Amino acid sequence: MNPNNLTKEYTNGEVTIVWQSGKCIHSTNCVKNNPDVFRPKEKPWIIAEASTSDKIIETVKKCPSGALTFYMNKKS
């Protein structure tokens, strides 16, 4: 596994955030737009449970590099 090209997923149960480290340009848009979820000084650095799904989706859509994407979880 290449540590410079990781893919990690974080979920709040409704939406899952997908982060691809190799695409990340560290623009900090995510941190500025949703600091409750995106906390680069913590591990894990994404806390999906800390925000609404709508706010997460809005923030992820602002990622300029495409390093952040999302998908909706299926309801059981």
C-alpha atoms as a PDB file:
ATOM      1  CA  MET A   1       0.000   0.000   0.000  1.00  0.00           C
ATOM      2  CA  ASN A   2       1.363   3.386  -1.044  1.00  0.00           C
ATOM      3  CA  PRO A   3       1.016   5.839   1.884  1.00  0.00           C
ATOM      4  CA  ASN A   4       0.890   8.704  -0.618  1.00  0.00           C
ATOM      5  CA  ASN A   5      -2.166   7.283  -2.357  1.00  0.00           C
ATOM      6  CA  LEU A   6      -4.600   6.139   0.304  1.00  0.00           C
ATOM      7  CA  THR A   7      -8.370   5.963  -0.001  1.00  0.00           C
ATOM      8  CA  LYS A   8     -10.330   6.185   3.226  1.00  0.00           C
ATOM      9  CA  GLU A   9     -14.034   6.325   3.971  1.00  0.00           C
ATOM     10  CA  TYR A  10     -15.836   8.015   6.845  1.00  0.00           C
ATOM     11  CA  THR A  11     -19.600   7.802   7.435  1.00  0.00           C
ATOM     12  CA  ASN A  12     -22.286   9.349   9.575  1.00  0.00           C
ATOM     13  CA  GLY A  13     -24.641   6.498   8.704  1.00  0.00           C
ATOM     14  CA  GLU A  14     -26.461   8.411   5.971  1.00  0.00           C
ATOM     15  CA  VAL A  15     -23.616   9.699   3.799  1.00  0.00           C
ATOM     16  CA  THR A  16     -20.078   8.366   3.352  1.00  0.00           C
ATOM     17  CA  ILE A  17     -17.164  10.687   2.652  1.00  0.00           C
ATOM     18  CA  VAL A  18     -14.413   9.209   0.467  1.00  0.00           C
ATOM     19  CA  TRP A  19     -10.954  10.806   0.731  1.00  0.00           C
ATOM     20  CA  GLN A  20      -8.176  10.026  -1.761  1.00  0.00           C
ATOM     21  CA  SER A  21      -4.874  11.279  -0.374  1.00  0.00           C
ATOM     22  CA  GLY A  22      -3.102  11.193  -3.735  1.00  0.00           C
ATOM     23  CA  LYS A  23      -5.486  13.783  -5.181  1.00  0.00           C
ATOM     24  CA  CYS A  24      -5.480  16.132  -2.194  1.00  0.00           C
ATOM     25  CA  ILE A  25      -3.873  19.533  -2.875  1.00  0.00           C
ATOM     26  CA  HIS A  26      -4.438  20.785   0.703  1.00  0.00           C
ATOM     27  CA  SER A  27      -6.526  23.774  -0.371  1.00  0.00           C
ATOM     28  CA  THR A  28      -8.181  23.724   3.098  1.00  0.00           C
ATOM     29  CA  ASN A  29     -11.597  24.384   1.542  1.00  0.00           C
ATOM     30  CA  CYS A  30     -13.026  21.486   3.541  1.00  0.00           C
ATOM     31  CA  VAL A  31     -11.617  22.790   6.835  1.00  0.00           C
ATOM     32  CA  LYS A  32     -12.806  26.345   6.173  1.00  0.00           C
ATOM     33  CA  ASN A  33     -16.301  25.250   5.097  1.00  0.00           C
ATOM     34  CA  ASN A  34     -16.932  22.599   7.750  1.00  0.00           C
ATOM     35  CA  PRO A  35     -14.402  22.676  10.604  1.00  0.00           C
ATOM     36  CA  ASP A  36     -16.621  20.468  12.773  1.00  0.00           C
ATOM     37  CA  VAL A  37     -16.028  17.555  10.384  1.00  0.00           C
ATOM     38  CA  PHE A  38     -12.629  18.260   8.836  1.00  0.00           C
ATOM     39  CA  ARG A  39      -9.963  18.470  11.553  1.00  0.00           C
ATOM     40  CA  PRO A  40      -6.497  18.004  10.018  1.00  0.00           C
ATOM     41  CA  LYS A  41      -4.683  17.982  13.375  1.00  0.00           C
ATOM     42  CA  GLU A  42      -6.691  15.020  14.710  1.00  0.00           C
ATOM     43  CA  LYS A  43      -6.828  11.303  13.912  1.00  0.00           C
ATOM     44  CA  PRO A  44      -9.092  10.369  12.339  1.00  0.00           C
ATOM     45  CA  TRP A  45      -9.145  13.781  10.715  1.00  0.00           C
ATOM     46  CA  ILE A  46     -12.683  13.433   9.335  1.00  0.00           C
ATOM     47  CA  ILE A  47     -15.503  13.147  11.891  1.00  0.00           C
ATOM     48  CA  ALA A  48     -18.593  12.619   9.731  1.00  0.00           C
ATOM     49  CA  GLU A  49     -20.915  12.377  12.735  1.00  0.00           C
ATOM     50  CA  ALA A  50     -20.180  16.015  13.633  1.00  0.00           C
ATOM     51  CA  SER A  51     -22.367  17.551  10.913  1.00  0.00           C
ATOM     52  CA  THR A  52     -25.522  17.116   8.901  1.00  0.00           C
ATOM     53  CA  SER A  53     -25.421  15.147   5.679  1.00  0.00           C
ATOM     54  CA  ASP A  54     -26.511  18.220   3.710  1.00  0.00           C
ATOM     55  CA  LYS A  55     -23.622  20.296   5.084  1.00  0.00           C
ATOM     56  CA  ILE A  56     -21.156  17.465   4.377  1.00  0.00           C
ATOM     57  CA  ILE A  57     -22.362  17.155   0.772  1.00  0.00           C
ATOM     58  CA  GLU A  58     -22.181  20.921   0.287  1.00  0.00           C
ATOM     59  CA  THR A  59     -18.602  20.964   1.618  1.00  0.00           C
ATOM     60  CA  VAL A  60     -17.408  17.948  -0.387  1.00  0.00           C
ATOM     61  CA  LYS A  61     -18.747  19.482  -3.607  1.00  0.00           C
ATOM     62  CA  LYS A  62     -16.410  22.458  -3.032  1.00  0.00           C
ATOM     63  CA  CYS A  63     -13.259  20.296  -3.091  1.00  0.00           C
ATOM     64  CA  PRO A  64     -11.223  21.665  -6.026  1.00  0.00           C
ATOM     65  CA  SER A  65      -9.047  18.581  -6.550  1.00  0.00           C
ATOM     66  CA  GLY A  66     -11.689  15.861  -6.369  1.00  0.00           C
ATOM     67  CA  ALA A  67      -9.893  14.279  -3.416  1.00  0.00           C
ATOM     68  CA  LEU A  68     -13.190  14.331  -1.505  1.00  0.00           C
ATOM     69  CA  THR A  69     -16.254  12.596  -2.887  1.00  0.00           C
ATOM     70  CA  PHE A  70     -19.318  11.116  -1.242  1.00  0.00           C
ATOM     71  CA  TYR A  71     -22.023   8.545  -1.689  1.00  0.00           C
ATOM     72  CA  MET A  72     -25.336   8.033   0.006  1.00  0.00           C
ATOM     73  CA  ASN A  73     -25.671   4.885   2.094  1.00  0.00           C
ATOM     74  CA  LYS A  74     -28.512   2.539   1.312  1.00  0.00           C
ATOM     75  CA  LYS A  75     -31.359   2.575   3.773  1.00  0.00           C
ATOM     76  CA  SER A  76     -32.173  -0.813   5.208  1.00  0.00           C
END
